[in-house]
Amino acid sequence: MTTPRIALLQSSGRPGDVGHNLRLLEEAAARAAAAGARLLVAPEMFLTGYAIGKRISELAEPADGPAADALARTATRHGLAICYGYPERAGEQLFNSAQLIGPSGERLLNYRKTHLFGAFEQRSFAPGHTPVVQVELAELGGLRVGVMICYDVEFPENVRAHALAGTELLLVPTAQMHPFQFVAESLVPVRAFENQLYVAYVNRCGPEGEFDFIGRSCLAGPDGIARARAGHGAELLTADVDPAFLAASRQANPYLHDRRPALYTTLT
């Protein structure tokens, strides 16, 4: 069986211009599919831009809004799944969300960021309350795929919850800025190793408002090694997620087996 391939779109798009960003996703989907990828992952808030202030409320959409419909058509056209970040409107609340759309245009899952970073996010969004959202993706050989967003991955309990729930590939749309480059370069591979899963960490890049996004997107494997690593500019990466290597790694690495949960009750 062919090893599943995914694509990571490192880009900030054009902040405030949903139409332009949808076109960028269309172009990236075409390139990713041509390279053999069955999943395309875009950064946090890619649909609208991150540092757009009060326009977040103006541009927010429900999970089944017009942008989701447009991306369903893109996914169907190119035969691959698409995960993208966007501001979600749900009644009177706004969430920093990421949605996964399948290659037949179906909405497979929607995740709301549980750990909001800094005053900007805490003013703009309500926190999500469901830490583990996952789905088995047939196009990736039945891999169990989970989603979280940026700051969420910096909490070890969050990623461990995914590992214990059986997540094999964790997608992390991200808006990581200077001076936190060590998160992309050091912390993310450690998370993959200590939890025995693949982590696709997909960042924005370049200056945007008061932020300077550092790029450095990667696919980290369960051995703690980045299978692909971007620089600081816009880039489309492709990398393979090998289920056989993951199974062998989980067999050899005792971290999950050697846990002693009774010792950890003070964590809750």
C-alpha atoms as a PDB file:
ATOM      1  CA  MET A   1       0.000   0.000   0.000  1.00  0.00           C
ATOM      2  CA  THR A   2       1.255   3.496  -0.811  1.00  0.00           C
ATOM      3  CA  THR A   3       2.420   5.459   2.230  1.00  0.00           C
ATOM      4  CA  PRO A   4      -0.084   8.285   2.873  1.00  0.00           C
ATOM      5  CA  ARG A   5       1.191  11.743   1.942  1.00  0.00           C
ATOM      6  CA  ILE A   6       0.059  15.069   3.363  1.00  0.00           C
ATOM      7  CA  ALA A   7       0.740  18.687   2.402  1.00  0.00           C
ATOM      8  CA  LEU A   8       1.393  21.609   4.749  1.00  0.00           C
ATOM      9  CA  LEU A   9       0.629  25.112   3.475  1.00  0.00           C
ATOM     10  CA  GLN A  10       2.812  27.673   5.268  1.00  0.00           C
ATOM     11  CA  SER A  11       1.306  31.036   4.398  1.00  0.00           C
ATOM     12  CA  SER A  12      -0.488  34.006   5.912  1.00  0.00           C
ATOM     13  CA  GLY A  13      -2.527  34.569   2.786  1.00  0.00           C
ATOM     14  CA  ARG A  14      -3.950  38.077   2.498  1.00  0.00           C
ATOM     15  CA  PRO A  15      -5.379  39.196   5.866  1.00  0.00           C
ATOM     16  CA  GLY A  16      -8.951  40.407   5.564  1.00  0.00           C
ATOM     17  CA  ASP A  17      -9.515  38.962   2.069  1.00  0.00           C
ATOM     18  CA  VAL A  18     -11.463  35.695   2.300  1.00  0.00           C
ATOM     19  CA  GLY A  19     -11.869  35.388  -1.482  1.00  0.00           C
ATOM     20  CA  HIS A  20      -8.131  35.653  -2.063  1.00  0.00           C
ATOM     21  CA  ASN A  21      -7.387  33.083   0.634  1.00  0.00           C
ATOM     22  CA  LEU A  22      -9.909  30.660  -0.829  1.00  0.00           C
ATOM     23  CA  ARG A  23      -8.133  31.003  -4.180  1.00  0.00           C
ATOM     24  CA  LEU A  24      -4.803  30.289  -2.476  1.00  0.00           C
ATOM     25  CA  LEU A  25      -6.287  27.129  -0.994  1.00  0.00           C
ATOM     26  CA  GLU A  26      -7.561  26.121  -4.432  1.00  0.00           C
ATOM     27  CA  GLU A  27      -4.076  26.564  -5.909  1.00  0.00           C
ATOM     28  CA  ALA A  28      -2.423  24.742  -3.004  1.00  0.00           C
ATOM     29  CA  ALA A  29      -4.918  21.868  -3.264  1.00  0.00           C
ATOM     30  CA  ALA A  30      -4.097  21.453  -6.947  1.00  0.00           C
ATOM     31  CA  ARG A  31      -0.358  21.398  -6.243  1.00  0.00           C
ATOM     32  CA  ALA A  32      -0.757  19.071  -3.261  1.00  0.00           C
ATOM     33  CA  ALA A  33      -2.892  16.599  -5.213  1.00  0.00           C
ATOM     34  CA  ALA A  34      -0.407  16.639  -8.096  1.00  0.00           C
ATOM     35  CA  ALA A  35       2.318  15.718  -5.582  1.00  0.00           C
ATOM     36  CA  GLY A  36       0.273  12.749  -4.352  1.00  0.00           C
ATOM     37  CA  ALA A  37      -1.030  14.272  -1.107  1.00  0.00           C
ATOM     38  CA  ARG A  38      -4.450  13.220   0.185  1.00  0.00           C
ATOM     39  CA  LEU A  39      -4.667  15.891   2.893  1.00  0.00           C
ATOM     40  CA  LEU A  40      -3.864  19.620   2.844  1.00  0.00           C
ATOM     41  CA  VAL A  41      -3.435  21.499   6.135  1.00  0.00           C
ATOM     42  CA  ALA A  42      -3.545  25.322   6.325  1.00  0.00           C
ATOM     43  CA  PRO A  43      -2.646  27.562   9.302  1.00  0.00           C
ATOM     44  CA  GLU A  44      -4.692  28.996  12.140  1.00  0.00           C
ATOM     45  CA  MET A  45      -7.224  31.629  11.005  1.00  0.00           C
ATOM     46  CA  PHE A  46      -6.086  31.168   7.410  1.00  0.00           C
ATOM     47  CA  LEU A  47      -9.497  31.930   5.977  1.00  0.00           C
ATOM     48  CA  THR A  48      -9.599  35.532   7.219  1.00  0.00           C
ATOM     49  CA  GLY A  49      -6.165  36.415   8.593  1.00  0.00           C
ATOM     50  CA  TYR A  50      -5.185  36.512  12.248  1.00  0.00           C
ATOM     51  CA  ALA A  51      -4.305  40.139  13.096  1.00  0.00           C
ATOM     52  CA  ILE A  52      -7.430  41.770  11.672  1.00  0.00           C
ATOM     53  CA  GLY A  53      -8.839  43.236  14.887  1.00  0.00           C
ATOM     54  CA  LYS A  54     -12.586  43.878  14.923  1.00  0.00           C
ATOM     55  CA  ARG A  55     -12.964  42.484  11.406  1.00  0.00           C
ATOM     56  CA  ILE A  56     -12.865  39.025  12.978  1.00  0.00           C
ATOM     57  CA  SER A  57     -16.500  39.468  13.979  1.00  0.00           C
ATOM     58  CA  GLU A  58     -17.416  40.809  10.539  1.00  0.00           C
ATOM     59  CA  LEU A  59     -15.765  37.927   8.652  1.00  0.00           C
ATOM     60  CA  ALA A  60     -16.662  35.072  11.015  1.00  0.00           C
ATOM     61  CA  GLU A  61     -18.856  32.330   9.550  1.00  0.00           C
ATOM     62  CA  PRO A  62     -20.728  29.314  10.896  1.00  0.00           C
ATOM     63  CA  ALA A  63     -19.120  25.921  10.380  1.00  0.00           C
ATOM     64  CA  ASP A  64     -21.491  25.291   7.456  1.00  0.00           C
ATOM     65  CA  GLY A  65     -21.080  28.777   5.970  1.00  0.00           C
ATOM     66  CA  PRO A  66     -20.201  29.831   2.409  1.00  0.00           C
ATOM     67  CA  ALA A  67     -16.443  29.349   2.864  1.00  0.00           C
ATOM     68  CA  ALA A  68     -17.009  25.760   3.991  1.00  0.00           C
ATOM     69  CA  ASP A  69     -19.156  25.208   0.892  1.00  0.00           C
ATOM     70  CA  ALA A  70     -16.433  26.664  -1.346  1.00  0.00           C
ATOM     71  CA  LEU A  71     -13.764  24.468   0.242  1.00  0.00           C
ATOM     72  CA  ALA A  72     -16.005  21.417  -0.080  1.00  0.00           C
ATOM     73  CA  ARG A  73     -16.024  22.051  -3.821  1.00  0.00           C
ATOM     74  CA  THR A  74     -12.225  22.478  -3.812  1.00  0.00           C
ATOM     75  CA  ALA A  75     -11.750  19.239  -1.890  1.00  0.00           C
ATOM     76  CA  THR A  76     -14.029  17.349  -4.283  1.00  0.00           C
ATOM     77  CA  ARG A  77     -12.341  18.832  -7.358  1.00  0.00           C
ATOM     78  CA  HIS A  78      -8.892  17.694  -6.263  1.00  0.00           C
ATOM     79  CA  GLY A  79      -9.804  14.537  -4.341  1.00  0.00           C
ATOM     80  CA  LEU A  80      -8.159  15.409  -1.048  1.00  0.00           C
ATOM     81  CA  ALA A  81      -9.156  16.432   2.470  1.00  0.00           C
ATOM     82  CA  ILE A  82      -8.593  20.016   3.649  1.00  0.00           C
ATOM     83  CA  CYS A  83      -8.055  21.280   7.192  1.00  0.00           C
ATOM     84  CA  TYR A  84      -8.151  25.058   7.660  1.00  0.00           C
ATOM     85  CA  GLY A  85      -8.384  27.605  10.466  1.00  0.00           C
ATOM     86  CA  TYR A  86     -11.159  30.202  10.601  1.00  0.00           C
ATOM     87  CA  PRO A  87     -13.213  32.336  13.020  1.00  0.00           C
ATOM     88  CA  GLU A  88     -16.427  30.440  13.715  1.00  0.00           C
ATOM     89  CA  ARG A  89     -19.681  32.183  14.553  1.00  0.00           C
ATOM     90  CA  ALA A  90     -22.026  30.110  16.703  1.00  0.00           C
ATOM     91  CA  GLY A  91     -24.977  32.179  17.837  1.00  0.00           C
ATOM     92  CA  GLU A  92     -23.616  35.132  19.795  1.00  0.00           C
ATOM     93  CA  GLN A  93     -20.212  33.526  20.353  1.00  0.00           C
ATOM     94  CA  LEU A  94     -17.048  33.488  18.265  1.00  0.00           C
ATOM     95  CA  PHE A  95     -14.551  30.629  18.378  1.00  0.00           C
ATOM     96  CA  ASN A  96     -11.060  30.228  16.982  1.00  0.00           C
ATOM     97  CA  SER A  97     -11.775  27.044  15.045  1.00  0.00           C
ATOM     98  CA  ALA A  98     -10.337  24.559  12.583  1.00  0.00           C
ATOM     99  CA  GLN A  99     -12.449  22.419  10.285  1.00  0.00           C
ATOM    100  CA  LEU A 100     -11.597  19.243   8.374  1.00  0.00           C
ATOM    101  CA  ILE A 101     -13.448  18.676   5.104  1.00  0.00           C
ATOM    102  CA  GLY A 102     -13.235  15.320   3.382  1.00  0.00           C
ATOM    103  CA  PRO A 103     -12.399  14.653  -0.281  1.00  0.00           C
ATOM    104  CA  SER A 104     -16.068  14.155  -1.094  1.00  0.00           C
ATOM    105  CA  GLY A 105     -16.941  17.541   0.376  1.00  0.00           C
ATOM    106  CA  GLU A 106     -18.312  16.272   3.690  1.00  0.00           C
ATOM    107  CA  ARG A 107     -17.532  18.177   6.912  1.00  0.00           C
ATOM    108  CA  LEU A 108     -15.668  15.580   8.995  1.00  0.00           C
ATOM    109  CA  LEU A 109     -14.925  17.513  12.167  1.00  0.00           C
ATOM    110  CA  ASN A 110     -14.822  20.998  13.641  1.00  0.00           C
ATOM    111  CA  TYR A 111     -12.533  21.888  16.557  1.00  0.00           C
ATOM    112  CA  ARG A 112     -12.657  24.986  18.778  1.00  0.00           C
ATOM    113  CA  LYS A 113      -9.387  26.153  20.340  1.00  0.00           C
ATOM    114  CA  THR A 114      -9.415  25.334  24.049  1.00  0.00           C
ATOM    115  CA  HIS A 115      -6.412  27.408  25.229  1.00  0.00           C
ATOM    116  CA  LEU A 116      -6.580  31.024  24.061  1.00  0.00           C
ATOM    117  CA  PHE A 117      -3.248  32.838  23.832  1.00  0.00           C
ATOM    118  CA  GLY A 118      -2.856  36.381  25.110  1.00  0.00           C
ATOM    119  CA  ALA A 119      -5.210  39.327  25.496  1.00  0.00           C
ATOM    120  CA  PHE A 120      -6.008  39.530  21.771  1.00  0.00           C
ATOM    121  CA  GLU A 121      -7.489  36.024  21.583  1.00  0.00           C
ATOM    122  CA  GLN A 122      -9.110  36.199  24.998  1.00  0.00           C
ATOM    123  CA  ARG A 123     -10.936  39.387  23.985  1.00  0.00           C
ATOM    124  CA  SER A 124     -11.978  38.027  20.610  1.00  0.00           C
ATOM    125  CA  PHE A 125     -13.045  34.424  21.259  1.00  0.00           C
ATOM    126  CA  ALA A 126     -14.775  32.089  23.659  1.00  0.00           C
ATOM    127  CA  PRO A 127     -12.709  29.006  24.567  1.00  0.00           C
ATOM    128  CA  GLY A 128     -13.726  25.601  23.299  1.00  0.00           C
ATOM    129  CA  HIS A 129     -14.440  22.836  25.820  1.00  0.00           C
ATOM    130  CA  THR A 130     -13.762  19.621  23.869  1.00  0.00           C
ATOM    131  CA  PRO A 131     -10.041  18.777  23.929  1.00  0.00           C
ATOM    132  CA  VAL A 132     -10.102  15.659  21.734  1.00  0.00           C
ATOM    133  CA  VAL A 133     -11.817  15.795  18.347  1.00  0.00           C
ATOM    134  CA  GLN A 134     -10.797  13.087  15.881  1.00  0.00           C
ATOM    135  CA  VAL A 135     -11.856  11.075  12.849  1.00  0.00           C
ATOM    136  CA  GLU A 136     -10.526   8.099  10.892  1.00  0.00           C
ATOM    137  CA  LEU A 137      -9.514   9.270   7.435  1.00  0.00           C
ATOM    138  CA  ALA A 138      -9.850   6.506   4.853  1.00  0.00           C
ATOM    139  CA  GLU A 139      -7.782   8.505   2.356  1.00  0.00           C
ATOM    140  CA  LEU A 140      -4.808   8.161   4.732  1.00  0.00           C
ATOM    141  CA  GLY A 141      -5.187   4.419   5.122  1.00  0.00           C
ATOM    142  CA  GLY A 142      -7.619   4.733   8.023  1.00  0.00           C
ATOM    143  CA  LEU A 143      -5.273   6.816  10.188  1.00  0.00           C
ATOM    144  CA  ARG A 144      -7.006   8.370  13.169  1.00  0.00           C
ATOM    145  CA  VAL A 145      -6.611  12.126  12.728  1.00  0.00           C
ATOM    146  CA  GLY A 146      -7.052  14.682  15.515  1.00  0.00           C
ATOM    147  CA  VAL A 147      -6.980  18.478  15.493  1.00  0.00           C
ATOM    148  CA  MET A 148      -5.873  21.161  17.917  1.00  0.00           C
ATOM    149  CA  ILE A 149      -4.761  24.766  17.379  1.00  0.00           C
ATOM    150  CA  CYS A 150      -1.405  26.453  18.097  1.00  0.00           C
ATOM    151  CA  TYR A 151      -1.150  27.184  21.848  1.00  0.00           C
ATOM    152  CA  ASP A 152      -3.087  23.982  22.630  1.00  0.00           C
ATOM    153  CA  VAL A 153      -0.080  21.841  21.670  1.00  0.00           C
ATOM    154  CA  GLU A 154       2.077  23.559  24.288  1.00  0.00           C
ATOM    155  CA  PHE A 155       0.063  21.896  27.068  1.00  0.00           C
ATOM    156  CA  PRO A 156       1.350  18.322  27.502  1.00  0.00           C
ATOM    157  CA  GLU A 157      -1.951  17.120  28.948  1.00  0.00           C
ATOM    158  CA  ASN A 158      -3.723  18.089  25.734  1.00  0.00           C
ATOM    159  CA  VAL A 159      -1.495  16.031  23.459  1.00  0.00           C
ATOM    160  CA  ARG A 160      -1.392  13.099  25.884  1.00  0.00           C
ATOM    161  CA  ALA A 161      -5.194  13.028  25.858  1.00  0.00           C
ATOM    162  CA  HIS A 162      -5.040  12.596  22.078  1.00  0.00           C
ATOM    163  CA  ALA A 163      -2.461   9.822  22.372  1.00  0.00           C
ATOM    164  CA  LEU A 164      -4.601   7.944  24.899  1.00  0.00           C
ATOM    165  CA  ALA A 165      -7.639   8.365  22.635  1.00  0.00           C
ATOM    166  CA  GLY A 166      -5.738   6.740  19.767  1.00  0.00           C
ATOM    167  CA  THR A 167      -4.870   9.759  17.614  1.00  0.00           C
ATOM    168  CA  GLU A 168      -2.125   8.824  15.147  1.00  0.00           C
ATOM    169  CA  LEU A 169      -1.773  12.081  13.204  1.00  0.00           C
ATOM    170  CA  LEU A 170      -2.336  15.340  15.072  1.00  0.00           C
ATOM    171  CA  LEU A 171      -2.993  18.407  12.910  1.00  0.00           C
ATOM    172  CA  VAL A 172      -2.036  21.728  14.498  1.00  0.00           C
ATOM    173  CA  PRO A 173      -2.962  24.835  12.469  1.00  0.00           C
ATOM    174  CA  THR A 174      -0.816  27.539  14.048  1.00  0.00           C
ATOM    175  CA  ALA A 175      -0.106  31.265  14.320  1.00  0.00           C
ATOM    176  CA  GLN A 176       3.233  31.128  16.135  1.00  0.00           C
ATOM    177  CA  MET A 177       5.117  34.409  16.352  1.00  0.00           C
ATOM    178  CA  HIS A 178       8.528  35.734  17.290  1.00  0.00           C
ATOM    179  CA  PRO A 179      10.157  35.157  19.812  1.00  0.00           C
ATOM    180  CA  PHE A 180       8.696  31.662  20.307  1.00  0.00           C
ATOM    181  CA  GLN A 181      10.560  29.860  17.530  1.00  0.00           C
ATOM    182  CA  PHE A 182      11.684  27.151  19.966  1.00  0.00           C
ATOM    183  CA  VAL A 183       8.104  25.834  20.057  1.00  0.00           C
ATOM    184  CA  ALA A 184       8.168  24.932  16.371  1.00  0.00           C
ATOM    185  CA  GLU A 185      11.773  23.754  16.369  1.00  0.00           C
ATOM    186  CA  SER A 186      12.087  21.935  19.706  1.00  0.00           C
ATOM    187  CA  LEU A 187       8.793  21.464  21.547  1.00  0.00           C
ATOM    188  CA  VAL A 188       6.709  20.040  18.698  1.00  0.00           C
ATOM    189  CA  PRO A 189       9.125  17.166  17.891  1.00  0.00           C
ATOM    190  CA  VAL A 190       9.245  16.338  21.617  1.00  0.00           C
ATOM    191  CA  ARG A 191       5.438  16.225  21.750  1.00  0.00           C
ATOM    192  CA  ALA A 192       5.456  13.771  18.845  1.00  0.00           C
ATOM    193  CA  PHE A 193       8.082  11.586  20.552  1.00  0.00           C
ATOM    194  CA  GLU A 194       6.643  11.535  24.062  1.00  0.00           C
ATOM    195  CA  ASN A 195       3.152  10.734  22.745  1.00  0.00           C
ATOM    196  CA  GLN A 196       4.136   8.408  19.902  1.00  0.00           C
ATOM    197  CA  LEU A 197       2.242  10.081  17.081  1.00  0.00           C
ATOM    198  CA  TYR A 198       2.825  12.308  14.065  1.00  0.00           C
ATOM    199  CA  VAL A 199       2.332  16.050  14.530  1.00  0.00           C
ATOM    200  CA  ALA A 200       1.696  18.301  11.524  1.00  0.00           C
ATOM    201  CA  TYR A 201       2.408  21.829  12.793  1.00  0.00           C
ATOM    202  CA  VAL A 202       1.394  24.366  10.137  1.00  0.00           C
ATOM    203  CA  ASN A 203       2.263  28.012  10.757  1.00  0.00           C
ATOM    204  CA  ARG A 204       1.658  31.463   9.364  1.00  0.00           C
ATOM    205  CA  CYS A 205       4.679  33.438   8.200  1.00  0.00           C
ATOM    206  CA  GLY A 206       5.875  37.038   7.988  1.00  0.00           C
ATOM    207  CA  PRO A 207       4.702  40.308   9.567  1.00  0.00           C
ATOM    208  CA  GLU A 208       1.011  40.830  10.223  1.00  0.00           C
ATOM    209  CA  GLY A 209      -0.242  43.676  12.393  1.00  0.00           C
ATOM    210  CA  GLU A 210       1.678  43.660  15.663  1.00  0.00           C
ATOM    211  CA  PHE A 211       2.944  40.108  15.091  1.00  0.00           C
ATOM    212  CA  ASP A 212       5.835  38.568  13.178  1.00  0.00           C
ATOM    213  CA  PHE A 213       5.003  34.945  12.394  1.00  0.00           C
ATOM    214  CA  ILE A 214       8.052  32.700  12.279  1.00  0.00           C
ATOM    215  CA  GLY A 215       7.014  29.912   9.898  1.00  0.00           C
ATOM    216  CA  ARG A 216       9.118  26.771  10.550  1.00  0.00           C
ATOM    217  CA  SER A 217       6.165  24.441   9.924  1.00  0.00           C
ATOM    218  CA  CYS A 218       6.975  20.757  10.194  1.00  0.00           C
ATOM    219  CA  LEU A 219       5.757  17.195  10.193  1.00  0.00           C
ATOM    220  CA  ALA A 220       7.333  15.584  13.271  1.00  0.00           C
ATOM    221  CA  GLY A 221       7.435  11.800  13.599  1.00  0.00           C
ATOM    222  CA  PRO A 222       7.114   9.547  16.668  1.00  0.00           C
ATOM    223  CA  ASP A 223      10.913   9.337  16.772  1.00  0.00           C
ATOM    224  CA  GLY A 224      11.087  13.091  17.423  1.00  0.00           C
ATOM    225  CA  ILE A 225      12.531  13.839  13.984  1.00  0.00           C
ATOM    226  CA  ALA A 226      11.013  16.330  11.558  1.00  0.00           C
ATOM    227  CA  ARG A 227      10.152  14.568   8.303  1.00  0.00           C
ATOM    228  CA  ALA A 228       9.783  17.952   6.603  1.00  0.00           C
ATOM    229  CA  ARG A 229      10.664  21.436   7.805  1.00  0.00           C
ATOM    230  CA  ALA A 230       9.829  24.803   6.269  1.00  0.00           C
ATOM    231  CA  GLY A 231      11.873  27.965   6.418  1.00  0.00           C
ATOM    232  CA  HIS A 232      10.497  31.380   7.347  1.00  0.00           C
ATOM    233  CA  GLY A 233       8.622  32.238   4.134  1.00  0.00           C
ATOM    234  CA  ALA A 234       5.585  30.991   2.240  1.00  0.00           C
ATOM    235  CA  GLU A 235       5.982  27.343   1.246  1.00  0.00           C
ATOM    236  CA  LEU A 236       4.054  24.167   0.447  1.00  0.00           C
ATOM    237  CA  LEU A 237       5.602  21.091   2.077  1.00  0.00           C
ATOM    238  CA  THR A 238       4.746  17.479   1.374  1.00  0.00           C
ATOM    239  CA  ALA A 239       5.685  14.585   3.624  1.00  0.00           C
ATOM    240  CA  ASP A 240       4.702  10.968   4.182  1.00  0.00           C
ATOM    241  CA  VAL A 241       2.951   9.600   7.273  1.00  0.00           C
ATOM    242  CA  ASP A 242       4.004   5.952   7.576  1.00  0.00           C
ATOM    243  CA  PRO A 243       1.540   3.844   9.639  1.00  0.00           C
ATOM    244  CA  ALA A 244       3.949   0.890   9.747  1.00  0.00           C
ATOM    245  CA  PHE A 245       6.722   3.058  11.203  1.00  0.00           C
ATOM    246  CA  LEU A 246       4.276   4.458  13.763  1.00  0.00           C
ATOM    247  CA  ALA A 247       3.178   0.962  14.816  1.00  0.00           C
ATOM    248  CA  ALA A 248       6.793  -0.184  15.179  1.00  0.00           C
ATOM    249  CA  SER A 249       7.697   2.921  17.134  1.00  0.00           C
ATOM    250  CA  ARG A 250       4.790   2.447  19.531  1.00  0.00           C
ATOM    251  CA  GLN A 251       5.841  -1.150  20.031  1.00  0.00           C
ATOM    252  CA  ALA A 252       9.437  -0.146  20.846  1.00  0.00           C
ATOM    253  CA  ASN A 253       8.769   2.971  22.921  1.00  0.00           C
ATOM    254  CA  PRO A 254       7.257   2.215  26.366  1.00  0.00           C
ATOM    255  CA  TYR A 255       6.076   5.727  27.322  1.00  0.00           C
ATOM    256  CA  LEU A 256       2.358   5.086  26.931  1.00  0.00           C
ATOM    257  CA  HIS A 257       2.538   1.568  28.390  1.00  0.00           C
ATOM    258  CA  ASP A 258       4.625   2.551  31.430  1.00  0.00           C
ATOM    259  CA  ARG A 259       2.374   5.331  32.656  1.00  0.00           C
ATOM    260  CA  ARG A 260       1.088   5.107  36.256  1.00  0.00           C
ATOM    261  CA  PRO A 261      -2.147   7.119  36.215  1.00  0.00           C
ATOM    262  CA  ALA A 262      -2.795   6.585  39.936  1.00  0.00           C
ATOM    263  CA  LEU A 263       0.239   8.780  40.652  1.00  0.00           C
ATOM    264  CA  TYR A 264      -1.080  11.686  38.594  1.00  0.00           C
ATOM    265  CA  THR A 265      -4.360  12.434  40.380  1.00  0.00           C
ATOM    266  CA  THR A 266      -3.020  15.750  41.691  1.00  0.00           C
ATOM    267  CA  LEU A 267      -3.026  17.002  38.069  1.00  0.00           C
ATOM    268  CA  THR A 268      -6.817  17.208  38.208  1.00  0.00           C
END
